[in-house]
Amino acid sequence: MSEDVIILENVWKIFGDRADEAMKAIEERGLGKPEVLAEFACVVGIADCSFTVKRGEIFCVMGLSGSGKSTMVRHLNRLIEPTAGKISVLGQDMMALSGDKLREMRAMHLGMVFQHMALLPHRTVRDNVAFPLQVRGEPKSKRWEVSQRCLEMVNLDGYEDRFPRELSGGMQQRVGLARALASDPEVLLMDEPFSALDPLIRRQLQDQFMALSAELNKTTVFITHDLDEAIRIGNRIAIMKDGRIVQIGTPEDIVTKPADDYVRDFVEGISRLKLVFAHTIMEDIKSYKVARGEDLSKSPRVSHDTDLDHLIDITTETDQPIVIQDDDGKDVGVINKTTLLKGIQGGKA
């Protein structure tokens, strides 16, 4: 997972008739969002945002309503035009594409799933899933074959001839996901696809999406206002506020090293047990031996990526400190009960 599939560089979006003037004033005078609104009657939707997404990664963008996250994702397929900045997807300069080339990029390489799927009510489930292929001019036999395969992926085989009104909300979302997969895009853009669903159904669809993403190796930008959801499914998370990205990191980074009070408030109620790992809280083994002089030959040994939940299980079965090993099996750190408790509380030993 090393190739950068999506690259955003210093992207701005300013809404309003005087957007270009406002952009120039921001560059020359450093105006903030309130000043831009007051002087130019323009709204800063995205402010100097940059990030990369690697192949096969699930990159979550989260924030409160109005933070700019949905505006952000619509820049990637140019449903919204940026005021300034650069956008590259799959090695293509998105700003250089227009007309047929842009439509081809959207149809062949980018799949989008919205919160409200806008399924075609007069079409069956099969025809809704096959619709992107019909737009591309694929023959009916291929459309139906692909549609059937995608419906099986999302556990909707047997519902092919139903109409959207006959399905539950969760089933309709799965139809939308199957429709996005039907064109076999390399990149999925998902804008709060599960947020309107009941918690149990949402969790089931999250599980199904993560399994499909791993199986198909899709690169995904996933928009959500729910930090629990972002932490659960994201390889990395970008947190937005007022159109700006305030922190990008792994779920563990976000929880253990919040960039500011805004992020700290977000993560305050998040359980650390499945998110914080041994390598984050362990003491260096050399320093530990010097300071304590303990015999660690009989201590249990675990990998550096063992989470707090498992470490707690181990400490209930032994009075010995736990020795932490790297990927090569070398002893690199130590965790004792004191270290573990501080890790659970949020401090380091």
Protein backbone atom coordinates (compact mmCIF):
# COMPACT_ATOMS: atom_id res chain seq x y z
CA MET A 1 0.00 0.00 0.00
CA SER A 2 2.58 2.56 -1.15
CA GLU A 3 1.32 4.22 -4.34
CA ASP A 4 -0.46 7.56 -3.88
CA VAL A 5 -3.72 7.17 -5.82
CA ILE A 6 -5.22 10.50 -4.71
CA ILE A 7 -3.24 13.70 -4.17
CA LEU A 8 -4.73 17.00 -3.03
CA GLU A 9 -2.42 20.00 -2.87
CA ASN A 10 -3.49 23.28 -1.25
CA VAL A 11 -7.10 23.05 -2.42
CA TRP A 12 -9.41 26.00 -1.77
CA LYS A 13 -13.11 26.38 -2.51
CA ILE A 14 -14.75 29.76 -2.08
CA PHE A 15 -18.45 30.08 -2.81
CA GLY A 16 -19.74 33.42 -4.11
CA ASP A 17 -19.74 35.78 -7.07
CA ARG A 18 -16.47 37.39 -5.96
CA ALA A 19 -14.59 34.18 -5.24
CA ASP A 20 -11.53 35.12 -7.32
CA GLU A 21 -11.23 38.48 -5.58
CA ALA A 22 -11.58 36.80 -2.21
CA MET A 23 -8.92 34.23 -3.08
CA LYS A 24 -6.51 36.99 -4.08
CA ALA A 25 -7.19 38.84 -0.83
CA ILE A 26 -6.57 35.68 1.19
CA GLU A 27 -3.21 35.17 -0.55
CA GLU A 28 -2.11 38.80 -0.27
CA ARG A 29 -3.62 39.85 3.05
CA GLY A 30 -4.16 36.59 4.91
CA LEU A 31 -7.88 37.15 5.43
CA GLY A 32 -9.77 34.59 7.53
CA LYS A 33 -13.18 33.06 6.93
CA PRO A 34 -15.15 35.79 8.81
CA GLU A 35 -13.31 38.60 6.99
CA VAL A 36 -13.93 36.99 3.59
CA LEU A 37 -17.65 36.76 4.36
CA ALA A 38 -17.83 40.35 5.60
CA GLU A 39 -15.81 41.95 2.79
CA PHE A 40 -16.72 39.85 -0.25
CA ALA A 41 -19.98 38.09 0.78
CA CYS A 42 -18.21 34.80 -0.01
CA VAL A 43 -18.09 31.60 2.01
CA VAL A 44 -14.86 29.65 2.42
CA GLY A 45 -15.88 25.99 2.02
CA ILE A 46 -12.41 24.43 1.77
CA ALA A 47 -9.29 26.16 3.04
CA ASP A 48 -5.82 25.12 1.91
CA CYS A 49 -6.41 21.37 2.24
CA SER A 50 -3.78 18.80 1.32
CA PHE A 51 -3.63 15.02 1.71
CA THR A 52 -2.73 11.82 -0.12
CA VAL A 53 -4.52 8.47 -0.19
CA LYS A 54 -2.61 5.28 -0.93
CA ARG A 55 -3.80 2.37 -3.03
CA GLY A 56 -6.10 0.09 -1.07
CA GLU A 57 -6.43 2.54 1.83
CA ILE A 58 -9.68 3.55 3.52
CA PHE A 59 -9.16 7.24 4.22
CA CYS A 60 -11.86 8.72 6.45
CA VAL A 61 -12.68 12.43 6.45
CA MET A 62 -14.74 13.44 9.46
CA GLY A 63 -16.08 16.55 11.06
CA LEU A 64 -19.25 18.22 12.25
CA SER A 65 -21.94 19.53 9.91
CA GLY A 66 -20.55 22.46 7.93
CA SER A 67 -16.92 21.44 8.40
CA GLY A 68 -16.39 21.02 4.64
CA LYS A 69 -16.06 17.24 4.43
CA SER A 70 -18.78 16.67 1.81
CA THR A 71 -17.54 19.62 -0.22
CA MET A 72 -14.11 18.05 -0.07
CA VAL A 73 -15.10 14.67 -1.48
CA ARG A 74 -17.01 16.25 -4.37
CA HIS A 75 -13.80 17.90 -5.51
CA LEU A 76 -12.22 14.53 -6.20
CA ASN A 77 -14.52 13.80 -9.15
CA ARG A 78 -15.03 17.50 -9.88
CA LEU A 79 -18.69 17.64 -9.07
CA ILE A 80 -17.45 20.86 -7.43
CA GLU A 81 -14.73 22.96 -9.08
CA PRO A 82 -11.94 24.18 -6.79
CA THR A 83 -11.10 27.86 -6.58
CA ALA A 84 -7.39 27.04 -6.27
CA GLY A 85 -5.10 24.06 -5.81
CA LYS A 86 -4.25 20.79 -7.53
CA ILE A 87 -6.08 17.45 -7.60
CA SER A 88 -4.62 14.24 -8.98
CA VAL A 89 -6.47 10.92 -9.11
CA LEU A 90 -4.88 7.75 -10.50
CA GLY A 91 -2.10 9.83 -11.99
CA GLN A 92 -4.52 12.09 -13.85
CA ASP A 93 -4.55 15.85 -13.38
CA MET A 94 -8.27 16.24 -12.71
CA MET A 95 -8.17 19.94 -13.57
CA ALA A 96 -6.93 19.13 -17.07
CA LEU A 97 -9.87 16.83 -17.84
CA SER A 98 -13.03 18.08 -19.49
CA GLY A 99 -15.93 16.87 -21.58
CA ASP A 100 -15.70 13.23 -22.61
CA LYS A 101 -12.44 12.66 -20.74
CA LEU A 102 -13.93 13.78 -17.45
CA ARG A 103 -17.09 11.73 -18.02
CA GLU A 104 -14.98 8.69 -18.85
CA MET A 105 -12.94 9.15 -15.67
CA ARG A 106 -16.10 9.26 -13.58
CA ALA A 107 -17.74 6.34 -15.36
CA MET A 108 -14.75 3.99 -15.49
CA HIS A 109 -12.59 4.76 -12.48
CA LEU A 110 -14.61 6.58 -9.78
CA GLY A 111 -17.61 5.15 -7.94
CA MET A 112 -19.66 7.30 -5.59
CA VAL A 113 -22.06 6.28 -2.82
CA PHE A 114 -24.24 8.95 -1.23
CA GLN A 115 -26.21 9.03 2.02
CA HIS A 116 -29.42 9.15 -0.01
CA MET A 117 -28.97 6.73 -2.86
CA ALA A 118 -31.52 8.20 -5.31
CA LEU A 119 -32.31 4.75 -6.67
CA LEU A 120 -34.48 4.84 -9.77
CA PRO A 121 -37.95 3.92 -8.43
CA HIS A 122 -39.30 2.53 -11.70
CA ARG A 123 -36.35 0.16 -12.17
CA THR A 124 -35.81 -3.16 -10.46
CA VAL A 125 -32.88 -3.78 -8.16
CA ARG A 126 -31.07 -5.57 -10.99
CA ASP A 127 -31.60 -2.66 -13.38
CA ASN A 128 -30.55 -0.09 -10.78
CA VAL A 129 -27.25 -1.90 -10.23
CA ALA A 130 -26.72 -2.34 -13.97
CA PHE A 131 -27.49 1.30 -14.78
CA PRO A 132 -23.84 2.54 -14.90
CA LEU A 133 -23.06 -0.21 -17.39
CA GLN A 134 -26.06 0.77 -19.50
CA VAL A 135 -24.76 4.34 -19.60
CA ARG A 136 -21.45 2.94 -20.86
CA GLY A 137 -23.27 1.05 -23.63
CA GLU A 138 -22.55 -2.48 -22.38
CA PRO A 139 -24.78 -5.26 -23.79
CA LYS A 140 -27.67 -6.48 -21.66
CA SER A 141 -26.14 -9.92 -21.07
CA LYS A 142 -23.02 -8.38 -19.53
CA ARG A 143 -25.06 -5.86 -17.50
CA TRP A 144 -27.12 -8.60 -15.93
CA GLU A 145 -24.10 -10.82 -15.29
CA VAL A 146 -22.21 -8.02 -13.51
CA SER A 147 -25.33 -6.92 -11.65
CA GLN A 148 -25.89 -10.44 -10.34
CA ARG A 149 -22.30 -10.74 -9.18
CA CYS A 150 -22.41 -7.40 -7.36
CA LEU A 151 -25.71 -8.22 -5.68
CA GLU A 152 -24.20 -11.45 -4.41
CA MET A 153 -21.28 -9.46 -2.98
CA VAL A 154 -23.67 -7.41 -0.84
CA ASN A 155 -25.91 -10.38 0.05
CA LEU A 156 -28.90 -9.29 -2.02
CA ASP A 157 -29.17 -12.22 -4.40
CA GLY A 158 -32.83 -13.19 -4.59
CA TYR A 159 -33.97 -9.55 -4.62
CA GLU A 160 -33.08 -8.87 -8.26
CA ASP A 161 -36.68 -8.30 -9.42
CA ARG A 162 -37.80 -6.21 -6.45
CA PHE A 163 -38.29 -2.46 -6.66
CA PRO A 164 -36.55 -0.02 -4.27
CA ARG A 165 -39.83 0.73 -2.44
CA GLU A 166 -39.99 -2.93 -1.42
CA LEU A 167 -36.62 -2.81 0.38
CA SER A 168 -35.59 -1.59 3.82
CA GLY A 169 -33.26 1.39 4.19
CA GLY A 170 -30.25 -0.85 4.81
CA MET A 171 -31.04 -2.95 1.75
CA GLN A 172 -31.35 0.16 -0.40
CA GLN A 173 -27.90 1.26 0.77
CA ARG A 174 -26.53 -2.12 -0.26
CA VAL A 175 -28.11 -1.68 -3.68
CA GLY A 176 -26.30 1.66 -3.89
CA LEU A 177 -23.00 0.03 -2.93
CA ALA A 178 -23.56 -2.73 -5.52
CA ARG A 179 -24.29 -0.06 -8.15
CA ALA A 180 -21.03 1.71 -7.31
CA LEU A 181 -19.12 -1.59 -7.57
CA ALA A 182 -20.76 -2.57 -10.87
CA SER A 183 -18.46 -0.39 -12.96
CA ASP A 184 -15.47 -1.88 -11.08
CA PRO A 185 -13.99 1.52 -10.14
CA GLU A 186 -10.51 1.76 -8.70
CA VAL A 187 -11.61 4.53 -6.33
CA LEU A 188 -14.74 4.68 -4.17
CA LEU A 189 -16.04 8.00 -2.83
CA MET A 190 -18.51 7.46 -0.01
CA ASP A 191 -20.38 10.42 1.47
CA GLU A 192 -21.95 9.39 4.82
CA PRO A 193 -23.44 6.25 3.25
CA PHE A 194 -24.58 4.64 6.51
CA SER A 195 -25.39 7.66 8.69
CA ALA A 196 -29.19 7.49 8.27
CA LEU A 197 -29.41 3.83 9.31
CA ASP A 198 -30.15 2.23 12.66
CA PRO A 199 -27.00 1.43 14.71
CA LEU A 200 -27.19 -2.35 14.28
CA ILE A 201 -27.74 -2.16 10.52
CA ARG A 202 -25.01 0.47 10.23
CA ARG A 203 -22.52 -1.79 11.99
CA GLN A 204 -23.46 -4.73 9.75
CA LEU A 205 -22.92 -2.62 6.63
CA GLN A 206 -19.61 -1.33 7.99
CA ASP A 207 -18.47 -4.93 8.45
CA GLN A 208 -19.61 -5.84 4.95
CA PHE A 209 -17.95 -2.79 3.42
CA MET A 210 -14.63 -3.45 5.18
CA ALA A 211 -14.65 -7.08 4.00
CA LEU A 212 -15.42 -6.03 0.42
CA SER A 213 -12.77 -3.31 0.49
CA ALA A 214 -10.12 -5.78 1.62
CA GLU A 215 -11.21 -8.39 -0.91
CA LEU A 216 -11.38 -6.00 -3.88
CA ASN A 217 -8.50 -3.72 -2.78
CA LYS A 218 -10.52 -0.57 -3.41
CA THR A 219 -9.07 2.81 -2.57
CA THR A 220 -11.76 4.64 -0.59
CA VAL A 221 -12.42 8.14 0.68
CA PHE A 222 -15.13 7.76 3.32
CA ILE A 223 -16.95 10.80 4.69
CA THR A 224 -18.55 10.59 8.13
CA HIS A 225 -19.54 12.78 11.08
CA ASP A 226 -19.20 9.79 13.43
CA LEU A 227 -15.76 9.37 15.02
CA ASP A 228 -16.60 5.84 16.17
CA GLU A 229 -17.29 4.91 12.55
CA ALA A 230 -14.12 6.61 11.31
CA ILE A 231 -11.99 4.87 13.91
CA ARG A 232 -13.60 1.52 13.19
CA ILE A 233 -13.10 1.46 9.43
CA GLY A 234 -10.37 3.97 8.59
CA ASN A 235 -6.71 3.21 8.03
CA ARG A 236 -6.17 6.94 8.51
CA ILE A 237 -8.48 9.78 9.51
CA ALA A 238 -8.54 13.47 8.55
CA ILE A 239 -10.46 15.67 10.98
CA MET A 240 -11.91 18.90 9.55
CA LYS A 241 -13.10 22.10 11.15
CA ASP A 242 -14.28 25.27 9.38
CA GLY A 243 -13.05 24.00 6.02
CA ARG A 244 -9.57 23.15 7.25
CA ILE A 245 -7.92 19.84 8.06
CA VAL A 246 -6.74 20.06 11.66
CA GLN A 247 -5.18 16.59 11.96
CA ILE A 248 -4.43 13.53 9.85
CA GLY A 249 -3.35 10.26 11.44
CA THR A 250 -4.09 6.65 12.22
CA PRO A 251 -6.91 5.98 14.69
CA GLU A 252 -4.23 5.41 17.34
CA ASP A 253 -2.58 8.75 16.51
CA ILE A 254 -5.89 10.60 16.72
CA VAL A 255 -6.77 9.07 20.11
CA THR A 256 -3.35 9.22 21.76
CA LYS A 257 -1.95 12.43 20.23
CA PRO A 258 -4.81 14.85 19.54
CA ALA A 259 -3.50 17.91 17.72
CA ASP A 260 -5.60 20.44 19.63
CA ASP A 261 -8.50 20.88 22.04
CA TYR A 262 -11.03 20.41 19.22
CA VAL A 263 -9.72 16.93 18.44
CA ARG A 264 -9.23 16.19 22.14
CA ASP A 265 -12.93 16.87 22.76
CA PHE A 266 -13.84 14.51 19.93
CA VAL A 267 -11.84 11.58 21.28
CA GLU A 268 -12.58 12.10 24.98
CA GLY A 269 -15.20 9.36 25.17
CA ILE A 270 -13.52 6.86 22.83
CA SER A 271 -12.36 3.57 24.35
CA ARG A 272 -8.62 3.07 23.92
CA LEU A 273 -8.62 -0.69 24.46
CA LYS A 274 -8.70 -1.70 20.77
CA LEU A 275 -6.88 1.37 19.44
CA VAL A 276 -3.71 1.71 21.50
CA PHE A 277 -0.92 -0.81 21.00
CA ALA A 278 2.03 -2.11 22.94
CA HIS A 279 4.63 -0.14 20.97
CA THR A 280 2.97 3.11 22.08
CA ILE A 281 3.12 2.57 25.85
CA MET A 282 6.08 0.20 26.34
CA GLU A 283 9.31 1.14 28.09
CA ASP A 284 12.57 0.56 26.26
CA ILE A 285 13.89 -2.81 27.39
CA LYS A 286 17.47 -1.62 27.93
CA SER A 287 16.37 1.28 30.13
CA TYR A 288 14.00 -1.00 32.00
CA LYS A 289 16.75 -3.53 32.80
CA VAL A 290 19.11 -0.81 33.97
CA ALA A 291 16.48 0.83 36.20
CA ARG A 292 14.95 -2.33 37.68
CA GLY A 293 17.37 -5.18 37.13
CA GLU A 294 14.56 -7.73 36.80
CA ASP A 295 14.98 -11.18 35.27
CA LEU A 296 12.72 -11.19 32.21
CA SER A 297 13.57 -14.69 31.00
CA LYS A 298 10.23 -16.10 32.18
CA SER A 299 8.12 -13.14 31.07
CA PRO A 300 5.42 -13.67 28.39
CA ARG A 301 6.31 -12.25 25.01
CA VAL A 302 3.93 -10.56 22.57
CA SER A 303 4.12 -8.58 19.36
CA HIS A 304 4.50 -4.79 19.38
CA ASP A 305 1.06 -4.45 17.71
CA THR A 306 -0.82 -6.18 20.56
CA ASP A 307 -3.67 -3.95 21.73
CA LEU A 308 -4.47 -2.90 25.29
CA ASP A 309 -7.42 -5.27 25.50
CA HIS A 310 -5.19 -8.31 24.92
CA LEU A 311 -2.47 -6.96 27.22
CA ILE A 312 -5.04 -6.74 30.03
CA ASP A 313 -5.95 -10.40 29.47
CA ILE A 314 -2.29 -11.37 29.73
CA THR A 315 -1.65 -9.43 32.95
CA THR A 316 -4.55 -11.21 34.67
CA GLU A 317 -2.70 -14.50 34.17
CA THR A 318 0.81 -13.55 35.29
CA ASP A 319 2.69 -11.38 37.77
CA GLN A 320 5.60 -11.06 35.35
CA PRO A 321 6.15 -7.96 33.18
CA ILE A 322 5.28 -8.46 29.49
CA VAL A 323 8.16 -8.34 27.03
CA ILE A 324 7.37 -6.71 23.68
CA GLN A 325 8.96 -7.96 20.47
CA ASP A 326 9.40 -6.33 17.07
CA ASP A 327 8.53 -7.89 13.71
CA ASP A 328 11.81 -9.86 13.74
CA GLY A 329 11.12 -11.37 17.17
CA LYS A 330 13.66 -9.19 18.94
CA ASP A 331 12.91 -8.05 22.51
CA VAL A 332 12.49 -4.27 22.34
CA GLY A 333 10.25 -3.18 25.21
CA VAL A 334 8.58 -4.00 28.52
CA ILE A 335 5.11 -3.36 29.91
CA ASN A 336 4.30 -3.90 33.57
CA LYS A 337 1.02 -3.31 35.40
CA THR A 338 1.85 0.33 36.13
CA THR A 339 2.70 1.01 32.50
CA LEU A 340 -0.49 -0.68 31.38
CA LEU A 341 -2.70 1.32 33.76
CA LYS A 342 -1.18 4.58 32.59
CA GLY A 343 -1.76 3.48 29.00
CA ILE A 344 -5.42 2.82 29.73
CA GLN A 345 -5.77 6.19 31.42
CA GLY A 346 -4.13 7.97 28.54
CA GLY A 347 -0.69 8.71 29.90
CA LYS A 348 2.61 7.07 29.13
CA ALA A 349 4.95 5.40 31.56
